[in-house]
């Protein structure tokens, strides 16, 4: 057996709507309680203020069209990530994330097909850790996520 077959890595897994996502543990800076509105959490506007740090939120509900309803207004947990430019990003969660050790051989590459909705290209790999668990894990490609989010144009409107 080669090393890739035996290699095991740690992943932070979390549920958003009916889907389970995964990130390599080293990609997650920390998990904290999401601040309420009076503590700097303006989740509905896509930002959270933690101490002196402003964190832009990644809206996985909106990006992947997860469900027909909007996410709850106040989500209790915040997964904090940092991109290559040291900008902080966050993902709000309804329940605390899990830590899983999984063989790398469990993950299978997802073919990037231009016919797919571009944002679904944020998924690089898929895994089913065990049949008993019943989870299908979607591995987020943070480079693709950050590349897309930093290209969003700011639209200015004028009145009068």
N, C-alpha and C. Protein backbone atom coordinates (compact mmCIF):
# COMPACT_ATOMS: atom_id res chain seq x y z
N UNK A 1 0.84 -1.19 0.00
CA UNK A 1 0.00 0.00 0.00
C UNK A 1 0.87 1.24 0.00
N UNK A 2 0.43 2.27 -0.72
CA UNK A 2 1.20 3.51 -0.73
C UNK A 2 0.76 4.43 0.42
N UNK A 3 1.51 5.51 0.61
CA UNK A 3 1.24 6.41 1.72
C UNK A 3 -0.11 7.11 1.61
N UNK A 4 -0.58 7.41 0.38
CA UNK A 4 -1.87 8.07 0.22
C UNK A 4 -3.01 7.20 0.71
N UNK A 5 -2.88 5.89 0.55
CA UNK A 5 -3.91 4.98 1.00
C UNK A 5 -3.97 4.96 2.52
N UNK A 6 -2.83 5.09 3.18
CA UNK A 6 -2.77 5.02 4.63
C UNK A 6 -2.89 6.38 5.31
N UNK A 7 -2.68 7.46 4.60
CA UNK A 7 -2.65 8.79 5.21
C UNK A 7 -4.01 9.15 5.80
N UNK A 8 -3.96 9.70 7.01
CA UNK A 8 -5.17 10.14 7.69
C UNK A 8 -5.01 11.61 8.01
N UNK A 9 -6.08 12.37 7.84
CA UNK A 9 -6.05 13.80 8.14
C UNK A 9 -7.25 14.15 9.02
N UNK A 10 -7.13 15.28 9.71
CA UNK A 10 -8.21 15.75 10.57
C UNK A 10 -9.03 16.79 9.81
N UNK A 11 -10.34 16.68 9.93
CA UNK A 11 -11.26 17.58 9.26
C UNK A 11 -12.28 18.12 10.24
N UNK A 12 -12.63 19.38 10.06
CA UNK A 12 -13.74 19.98 10.79
C UNK A 12 -14.96 19.79 9.90
N UNK A 13 -15.99 19.14 10.43
CA UNK A 13 -17.20 18.90 9.65
C UNK A 13 -18.35 19.66 10.29
N UNK A 14 -19.25 20.14 9.46
CA UNK A 14 -20.38 20.92 9.97
C UNK A 14 -21.56 20.82 9.02
N UNK A 15 -22.73 21.00 9.59
CA UNK A 15 -23.96 20.87 8.82
C UNK A 15 -24.54 22.25 8.54
N UNK A 16 -24.92 22.47 7.29
CA UNK A 16 -25.64 23.67 6.88
C UNK A 16 -26.84 23.17 6.08
N UNK A 17 -28.03 23.50 6.56
CA UNK A 17 -29.27 22.98 5.99
C UNK A 17 -29.20 21.44 6.05
N UNK A 18 -29.37 20.78 4.93
CA UNK A 18 -29.35 19.31 4.93
C UNK A 18 -28.03 18.73 4.44
N UNK A 19 -27.00 19.56 4.32
CA UNK A 19 -25.72 19.11 3.77
C UNK A 19 -24.61 19.19 4.81
N UNK A 20 -23.67 18.24 4.71
CA UNK A 20 -22.49 18.23 5.58
C UNK A 20 -21.29 18.69 4.78
N UNK A 21 -20.57 19.65 5.32
CA UNK A 21 -19.37 20.19 4.68
C UNK A 21 -18.16 19.82 5.52
N UNK A 22 -16.99 19.84 4.90
CA UNK A 22 -15.74 19.53 5.60
C UNK A 22 -14.68 20.54 5.18
N UNK A 23 -13.81 20.83 6.14
CA UNK A 23 -12.63 21.65 5.90
C UNK A 23 -11.45 21.00 6.60
N UNK A 24 -10.27 21.04 6.01
CA UNK A 24 -9.10 20.54 6.74
C UNK A 24 -8.96 21.32 8.05
N UNK A 25 -8.60 20.64 9.11
CA UNK A 25 -8.52 21.28 10.42
C UNK A 25 -7.63 22.51 10.41
N UNK A 26 -6.52 22.44 9.67
CA UNK A 26 -5.59 23.58 9.65
C UNK A 26 -6.16 24.81 8.96
N UNK A 27 -7.27 24.66 8.22
CA UNK A 27 -7.89 25.80 7.55
C UNK A 27 -8.77 26.62 8.51
N UNK A 28 -9.11 26.02 9.65
CA UNK A 28 -9.99 26.68 10.61
C UNK A 28 -9.16 27.36 11.69
N UNK A 29 -9.33 28.66 11.80
CA UNK A 29 -8.60 29.43 12.80
C UNK A 29 -9.15 29.16 14.19
N UNK A 30 -10.48 29.24 14.32
CA UNK A 30 -11.11 28.95 15.61
C UNK A 30 -12.61 28.83 15.43
N UNK A 31 -13.26 28.29 16.46
CA UNK A 31 -14.71 28.22 16.53
C UNK A 31 -15.10 29.00 17.77
N UNK A 32 -16.01 29.95 17.61
CA UNK A 32 -16.44 30.79 18.73
C UNK A 32 -17.96 30.89 18.75
N UNK A 33 -18.48 31.40 19.87
CA UNK A 33 -19.90 31.73 19.92
C UNK A 33 -20.12 32.95 19.03
N UNK A 34 -21.13 32.88 18.21
CA UNK A 34 -21.42 34.00 17.31
C UNK A 34 -22.02 35.14 18.13
N UNK A 35 -21.45 36.32 18.01
CA UNK A 35 -21.97 37.43 18.82
C UNK A 35 -23.38 37.84 18.39
N UNK A 36 -24.17 38.26 19.37
CA UNK A 36 -25.51 38.76 19.07
C UNK A 36 -25.38 40.15 18.46
N UNK A 37 -26.49 40.70 18.01
CA UNK A 37 -26.47 42.02 17.36
C UNK A 37 -25.86 43.08 18.28
N UNK A 38 -26.20 43.05 19.57
CA UNK A 38 -25.66 44.07 20.47
C UNK A 38 -24.20 43.83 20.84
N UNK A 39 -23.65 42.70 20.41
CA UNK A 39 -22.23 42.40 20.65
C UNK A 39 -21.41 42.48 19.36
N UNK A 40 -21.99 42.98 18.28
CA UNK A 40 -21.25 43.15 17.03
C UNK A 40 -21.59 42.15 15.95
N UNK A 41 -22.61 41.34 16.15
CA UNK A 41 -22.99 40.36 15.14
C UNK A 41 -24.12 40.87 14.27
N UNK A 42 -23.82 41.24 13.05
CA UNK A 42 -24.84 41.69 12.11
C UNK A 42 -24.89 40.65 10.99
N UNK A 43 -25.34 39.46 11.36
CA UNK A 43 -25.33 38.32 10.45
C UNK A 43 -26.16 38.61 9.21
N UNK A 44 -27.28 39.31 9.38
CA UNK A 44 -28.14 39.59 8.23
C UNK A 44 -27.44 40.44 7.17
N UNK A 45 -26.42 41.21 7.57
CA UNK A 45 -25.64 42.01 6.62
C UNK A 45 -24.36 41.32 6.18
N UNK A 46 -24.11 40.13 6.72
CA UNK A 46 -22.95 39.37 6.30
C UNK A 46 -21.65 39.73 6.98
N UNK A 47 -21.72 40.40 8.13
CA UNK A 47 -20.50 40.72 8.86
C UNK A 47 -20.68 40.48 10.36
N UNK A 48 -19.57 40.23 11.01
CA UNK A 48 -19.53 40.05 12.46
C UNK A 48 -18.30 40.79 12.97
N UNK A 49 -18.45 41.51 14.05
CA UNK A 49 -17.32 42.19 14.68
C UNK A 49 -16.93 41.41 15.93
N UNK A 50 -15.69 40.91 15.97
CA UNK A 50 -15.15 40.22 17.15
C UNK A 50 -13.98 41.05 17.64
N UNK A 51 -14.16 41.69 18.76
CA UNK A 51 -13.11 42.54 19.31
C UNK A 51 -12.76 43.59 18.25
N UNK A 52 -11.50 43.63 17.83
CA UNK A 52 -11.08 44.61 16.81
C UNK A 52 -11.16 44.05 15.39
N UNK A 53 -11.62 42.83 15.24
CA UNK A 53 -11.62 42.15 13.94
C UNK A 53 -13.01 42.15 13.30
N UNK A 54 -13.07 42.55 12.04
CA UNK A 54 -14.30 42.45 11.27
C UNK A 54 -14.21 41.20 10.42
N UNK A 55 -15.23 40.38 10.51
CA UNK A 55 -15.24 39.09 9.81
C UNK A 55 -16.37 39.11 8.79
N UNK A 56 -16.04 38.86 7.53
CA UNK A 56 -17.05 38.76 6.49
C UNK A 56 -17.57 37.33 6.47
N UNK A 57 -18.89 37.19 6.38
CA UNK A 57 -19.49 35.86 6.42
C UNK A 57 -19.67 35.27 5.03
N UNK A 58 -19.46 33.98 4.94
CA UNK A 58 -19.74 33.22 3.72
C UNK A 58 -21.14 32.64 3.88
N UNK A 59 -22.04 32.98 2.99
CA UNK A 59 -23.43 32.54 3.08
C UNK A 59 -23.61 31.24 2.31
N UNK A 60 -23.38 30.12 2.97
CA UNK A 60 -23.53 28.83 2.29
C UNK A 60 -24.98 28.55 1.94
N UNK A 61 -25.93 29.05 2.74
CA UNK A 61 -27.34 28.86 2.39
C UNK A 61 -27.64 29.49 1.03
N UNK A 62 -27.20 30.72 0.85
CA UNK A 62 -27.47 31.43 -0.39
C UNK A 62 -26.67 30.90 -1.57
N UNK A 63 -25.42 30.56 -1.32
CA UNK A 63 -24.54 30.11 -2.40
C UNK A 63 -25.02 28.82 -3.03
N UNK A 64 -25.42 27.88 -2.19
CA UNK A 64 -25.79 26.57 -2.71
C UNK A 64 -27.29 26.40 -2.85
N UNK A 65 -28.06 27.45 -2.60
CA UNK A 65 -29.51 27.34 -2.72
C UNK A 65 -30.05 26.29 -1.78
N UNK A 66 -29.55 26.29 -0.55
CA UNK A 66 -29.92 25.25 0.41
C UNK A 66 -31.28 25.55 1.03
N UNK A 67 -32.29 24.95 0.49
CA UNK A 67 -33.62 25.12 1.05
C UNK A 67 -34.30 26.36 0.49
N UNK A 68 -35.58 26.43 0.77
CA UNK A 68 -36.36 27.55 0.26
C UNK A 68 -36.48 28.66 1.28
N UNK A 69 -36.14 28.37 2.53
CA UNK A 69 -36.24 29.39 3.56
C UNK A 69 -34.87 29.96 3.85
N UNK A 70 -34.87 31.17 4.36
CA UNK A 70 -33.60 31.79 4.73
C UNK A 70 -33.11 31.17 6.03
N UNK A 71 -31.81 31.24 6.29
CA UNK A 71 -31.27 30.67 7.52
C UNK A 71 -31.80 31.43 8.72
N UNK A 72 -31.79 30.80 9.90
CA UNK A 72 -32.23 31.50 11.11
C UNK A 72 -31.44 32.79 11.29
N UNK A 73 -32.08 33.81 11.85
CA UNK A 73 -31.43 35.11 12.02
C UNK A 73 -30.21 35.04 12.92
N UNK A 74 -30.30 34.34 14.03
CA UNK A 74 -29.17 34.28 14.95
C UNK A 74 -28.68 32.83 15.05
N UNK A 75 -27.51 32.58 14.51
CA UNK A 75 -26.90 31.27 14.59
C UNK A 75 -25.85 31.31 15.69
N UNK A 76 -25.83 30.30 16.57
CA UNK A 76 -25.00 30.39 17.78
C UNK A 76 -23.50 30.19 17.60
N UNK A 77 -23.05 29.59 16.52
CA UNK A 77 -21.63 29.28 16.37
C UNK A 77 -21.05 29.94 15.13
N UNK A 78 -19.77 30.28 15.23
CA UNK A 78 -19.06 30.93 14.13
C UNK A 78 -17.74 30.22 13.89
N UNK A 79 -17.56 29.71 12.69
CA UNK A 79 -16.32 29.07 12.26
C UNK A 79 -15.48 30.18 11.62
N UNK A 80 -14.31 30.46 12.16
CA UNK A 80 -13.48 31.57 11.67
C UNK A 80 -12.34 31.01 10.82
N UNK A 81 -12.19 31.57 9.62
CA UNK A 81 -11.18 31.15 8.65
C UNK A 81 -10.33 32.37 8.28
N UNK A 82 -9.13 32.13 7.76
CA UNK A 82 -8.27 33.23 7.31
C UNK A 82 -7.76 32.88 5.91
N UNK A 83 -7.85 33.85 5.00
CA UNK A 83 -7.35 33.60 3.65
C UNK A 83 -5.86 33.93 3.56
N UNK A 84 -5.28 33.77 2.39
CA UNK A 84 -3.84 33.99 2.20
C UNK A 84 -3.43 35.44 2.44
N UNK A 85 -4.38 36.37 2.34
CA UNK A 85 -4.11 37.79 2.58
C UNK A 85 -4.41 38.20 4.02
N UNK A 86 -4.61 37.22 4.89
CA UNK A 86 -4.92 37.44 6.31
C UNK A 86 -6.28 38.08 6.56
N UNK A 87 -7.17 38.06 5.58
CA UNK A 87 -8.53 38.54 5.78
C UNK A 87 -9.31 37.44 6.49
N UNK A 88 -10.14 37.84 7.46
CA UNK A 88 -10.93 36.87 8.22
C UNK A 88 -12.29 36.67 7.58
N UNK A 89 -12.70 35.41 7.54
CA UNK A 89 -13.98 35.01 6.99
C UNK A 89 -14.68 34.15 8.03
N UNK A 90 -15.99 34.06 7.95
CA UNK A 90 -16.72 33.24 8.90
C UNK A 90 -17.86 32.48 8.26
N UNK A 91 -18.20 31.37 8.89
CA UNK A 91 -19.36 30.59 8.50
C UNK A 91 -20.19 30.41 9.76
N UNK A 92 -21.45 30.86 9.74
CA UNK A 92 -22.31 30.71 10.90
C UNK A 92 -22.96 29.33 10.87
N UNK A 93 -23.08 28.75 12.06
CA UNK A 93 -23.58 27.38 12.18
C UNK A 93 -24.67 27.29 13.24
N UNK A 94 -25.62 26.38 13.02
CA UNK A 94 -26.68 26.13 13.99
C UNK A 94 -26.21 25.25 15.14
N UNK A 95 -25.25 24.38 14.87
CA UNK A 95 -24.75 23.46 15.90
C UNK A 95 -23.23 23.43 15.83
N UNK A 96 -22.58 23.03 16.93
CA UNK A 96 -21.11 23.03 16.91
C UNK A 96 -20.57 22.04 15.87
N UNK A 97 -19.44 22.37 15.27
CA UNK A 97 -18.84 21.46 14.29
C UNK A 97 -18.21 20.25 14.98
N UNK A 98 -17.94 19.23 14.19
CA UNK A 98 -17.29 18.00 14.67
C UNK A 98 -15.86 17.95 14.16
N UNK A 99 -15.03 17.22 14.87
CA UNK A 99 -13.68 16.92 14.42
C UNK A 99 -13.65 15.46 14.03
N UNK A 100 -13.24 15.16 12.80
CA UNK A 100 -13.18 13.78 12.32
C UNK A 100 -11.80 13.49 11.75
N UNK A 101 -11.30 12.31 12.03
CA UNK A 101 -10.09 11.83 11.38
C UNK A 101 -10.52 10.87 10.28
N UNK A 102 -10.09 11.18 9.07
CA UNK A 102 -10.51 10.37 7.93
C UNK A 102 -9.32 10.04 7.04
N UNK A 103 -9.32 8.83 6.48
CA UNK A 103 -8.29 8.50 5.50
C UNK A 103 -8.48 9.38 4.26
N UNK A 104 -7.38 9.89 3.73
CA UNK A 104 -7.46 10.73 2.53
C UNK A 104 -8.05 9.96 1.35
N UNK A 105 -7.89 8.65 1.36
CA UNK A 105 -8.42 7.82 0.28
C UNK A 105 -9.95 7.82 0.27
N UNK A 106 -10.58 8.27 1.35
CA UNK A 106 -12.03 8.36 1.43
C UNK A 106 -12.57 9.44 0.50
N UNK A 107 -11.76 10.46 0.23
CA UNK A 107 -12.20 11.60 -0.57
C UNK A 107 -11.96 11.34 -2.05
N UNK A 108 -12.96 11.68 -2.84
CA UNK A 108 -12.88 11.52 -4.29
C UNK A 108 -13.09 12.87 -4.95
N UNK A 109 -12.27 13.16 -5.93
CA UNK A 109 -12.31 14.44 -6.62
C UNK A 109 -13.64 14.63 -7.35
N UNK A 110 -14.14 15.85 -7.31
CA UNK A 110 -15.36 16.20 -8.03
C UNK A 110 -14.94 16.86 -9.33
N UNK A 111 -15.46 16.38 -10.43
CA UNK A 111 -15.12 16.93 -11.74
C UNK A 111 -15.72 18.32 -11.87
N UNK A 112 -14.89 19.27 -12.25
CA UNK A 112 -15.38 20.63 -12.47
C UNK A 112 -15.92 20.67 -13.89
N UNK A 113 -17.21 20.88 -13.99
CA UNK A 113 -17.89 20.91 -15.28
C UNK A 113 -18.50 22.30 -15.45
N UNK A 114 -18.21 22.94 -16.54
CA UNK A 114 -18.69 24.30 -16.76
C UNK A 114 -20.22 24.38 -16.81
N UNK A 115 -20.88 23.26 -16.99
CA UNK A 115 -22.34 23.29 -16.99
C UNK A 115 -22.90 23.48 -15.59
N UNK A 116 -22.10 23.17 -14.57
CA UNK A 116 -22.55 23.36 -13.19
C UNK A 116 -22.62 24.84 -12.88
N UNK A 117 -23.44 25.18 -11.94
CA UNK A 117 -23.47 26.55 -11.42
C UNK A 117 -22.09 26.85 -10.87
N UNK A 118 -21.47 27.97 -11.25
CA UNK A 118 -20.09 28.25 -10.85
C UNK A 118 -19.82 28.11 -9.36
N UNK A 119 -20.74 28.54 -8.51
CA UNK A 119 -20.48 28.47 -7.08
C UNK A 119 -20.41 27.04 -6.57
N UNK A 120 -21.00 26.12 -7.28
CA UNK A 120 -20.90 24.73 -6.87
C UNK A 120 -19.51 24.18 -7.14
N UNK A 121 -18.70 24.96 -7.85
CA UNK A 121 -17.31 24.58 -8.05
C UNK A 121 -16.51 24.82 -6.78
N UNK A 122 -17.16 25.33 -5.76
CA UNK A 122 -16.51 25.49 -4.46
C UNK A 122 -16.26 24.13 -3.81
N UNK A 123 -16.87 23.09 -4.31
CA UNK A 123 -16.70 21.74 -3.77
C UNK A 123 -15.61 21.04 -4.57
N UNK A 124 -14.54 20.62 -3.89
CA UNK A 124 -13.43 19.98 -4.61
C UNK A 124 -13.47 18.46 -4.50
N UNK A 125 -13.96 17.94 -3.38
CA UNK A 125 -13.99 16.50 -3.15
C UNK A 125 -15.26 16.11 -2.41
N UNK A 126 -15.58 14.84 -2.49
CA UNK A 126 -16.74 14.30 -1.79
C UNK A 126 -16.30 13.02 -1.09
N UNK A 127 -16.90 12.75 0.06
CA UNK A 127 -16.53 11.55 0.82
C UNK A 127 -17.75 11.02 1.56
N UNK A 128 -17.79 9.71 1.69
CA UNK A 128 -18.77 9.05 2.56
C UNK A 128 -17.95 8.30 3.59
N UNK A 129 -17.78 8.88 4.80
CA UNK A 129 -16.89 8.29 5.80
C UNK A 129 -17.27 6.86 6.19
N UNK A 130 -18.55 6.62 6.40
CA UNK A 130 -19.00 5.26 6.69
C UNK A 130 -20.48 5.16 6.37
N UNK A 131 -20.90 3.98 5.97
CA UNK A 131 -22.30 3.81 5.62
C UNK A 131 -23.19 3.93 6.85
N UNK A 132 -22.68 3.55 8.03
CA UNK A 132 -23.46 3.64 9.25
C UNK A 132 -23.72 5.09 9.62
N UNK A 133 -22.76 5.96 9.37
CA UNK A 133 -22.87 7.38 9.73
C UNK A 133 -23.94 8.08 8.90
N UNK A 134 -24.02 7.74 7.62
CA UNK A 134 -25.02 8.32 6.74
C UNK A 134 -24.70 9.71 6.22
N UNK A 135 -23.52 10.23 6.52
CA UNK A 135 -23.14 11.56 6.05
C UNK A 135 -22.41 11.47 4.72
N UNK A 136 -22.72 12.39 3.85
CA UNK A 136 -21.90 12.62 2.67
C UNK A 136 -21.22 13.96 2.90
N UNK A 137 -19.89 13.96 2.92
CA UNK A 137 -19.14 15.18 3.20
C UNK A 137 -18.74 15.86 1.90
N UNK A 138 -18.97 17.16 1.84
CA UNK A 138 -18.56 17.98 0.71
C UNK A 138 -17.38 18.82 1.16
N UNK A 139 -16.22 18.59 0.57
CA UNK A 139 -15.01 19.32 0.96
C UNK A 139 -14.98 20.66 0.25
N UNK A 140 -15.01 21.74 1.04
CA UNK A 140 -14.96 23.09 0.45
C UNK A 140 -13.56 23.40 -0.04
N UNK A 141 -13.46 23.96 -1.23
CA UNK A 141 -12.19 24.42 -1.79
C UNK A 141 -12.07 25.89 -1.43
N UNK A 142 -11.37 26.19 -0.33
CA UNK A 142 -11.30 27.56 0.16
C UNK A 142 -10.64 28.52 -0.82
N UNK A 143 -9.68 28.05 -1.59
CA UNK A 143 -9.06 28.94 -2.58
C UNK A 143 -10.10 29.42 -3.58
N UNK A 144 -10.97 28.53 -4.03
CA UNK A 144 -12.03 28.91 -4.97
C UNK A 144 -13.04 29.83 -4.29
N UNK A 145 -13.37 29.55 -3.04
CA UNK A 145 -14.32 30.38 -2.30
C UNK A 145 -13.78 31.80 -2.15
N UNK A 146 -12.55 31.92 -1.66
CA UNK A 146 -11.98 33.25 -1.44
C UNK A 146 -11.75 33.99 -2.75
N UNK A 147 -11.35 33.26 -3.78
CA UNK A 147 -11.12 33.89 -5.09
C UNK A 147 -12.44 34.49 -5.59
N UNK A 148 -13.53 33.76 -5.43
CA UNK A 148 -14.83 34.25 -5.88
C UNK A 148 -15.30 35.42 -5.02
N UNK A 149 -15.18 35.31 -3.71
CA UNK A 149 -15.69 36.35 -2.81
C UNK A 149 -14.94 37.67 -2.96
N UNK A 150 -13.65 37.62 -3.24
CA UNK A 150 -12.90 38.87 -3.35
C UNK A 150 -13.11 39.55 -4.70
N UNK A 151 -13.74 38.87 -5.66
CA UNK A 151 -14.03 39.46 -6.97
C UNK A 151 -15.41 40.10 -7.03
N UNK A 152 -16.20 40.00 -5.96
CA UNK A 152 -17.54 40.56 -5.96
C UNK A 152 -17.49 42.07 -6.16
N UNK A 153 -18.16 42.60 -7.17
CA UNK A 153 -18.14 44.04 -7.39
C UNK A 153 -19.01 44.76 -6.37
N UNK A 154 -18.62 45.97 -6.04
CA UNK A 154 -19.43 46.81 -5.18
C UNK A 154 -20.27 47.69 -6.08
N UNK A 155 -21.58 47.64 -5.91
CA UNK A 155 -22.48 48.39 -6.76
C UNK A 155 -22.92 49.64 -6.02
N UNK A 156 -22.63 50.78 -6.60
CA UNK A 156 -23.04 52.05 -5.99
C UNK A 156 -24.32 52.53 -6.65
N UNK A 157 -25.20 53.06 -5.83
CA UNK A 157 -26.43 53.62 -6.38
C UNK A 157 -26.49 55.09 -6.03
N UNK A 158 -27.11 55.85 -6.89
CA UNK A 158 -27.26 57.28 -6.60
C UNK A 158 -28.73 57.62 -6.50
N UNK A 159 -29.02 58.61 -5.72
CA UNK A 159 -30.41 59.05 -5.59
C UNK A 159 -30.56 60.40 -6.24
N UNK A 160 -31.74 60.65 -6.74
CA UNK A 160 -32.05 61.96 -7.25
C UNK A 160 -31.71 62.17 -8.64
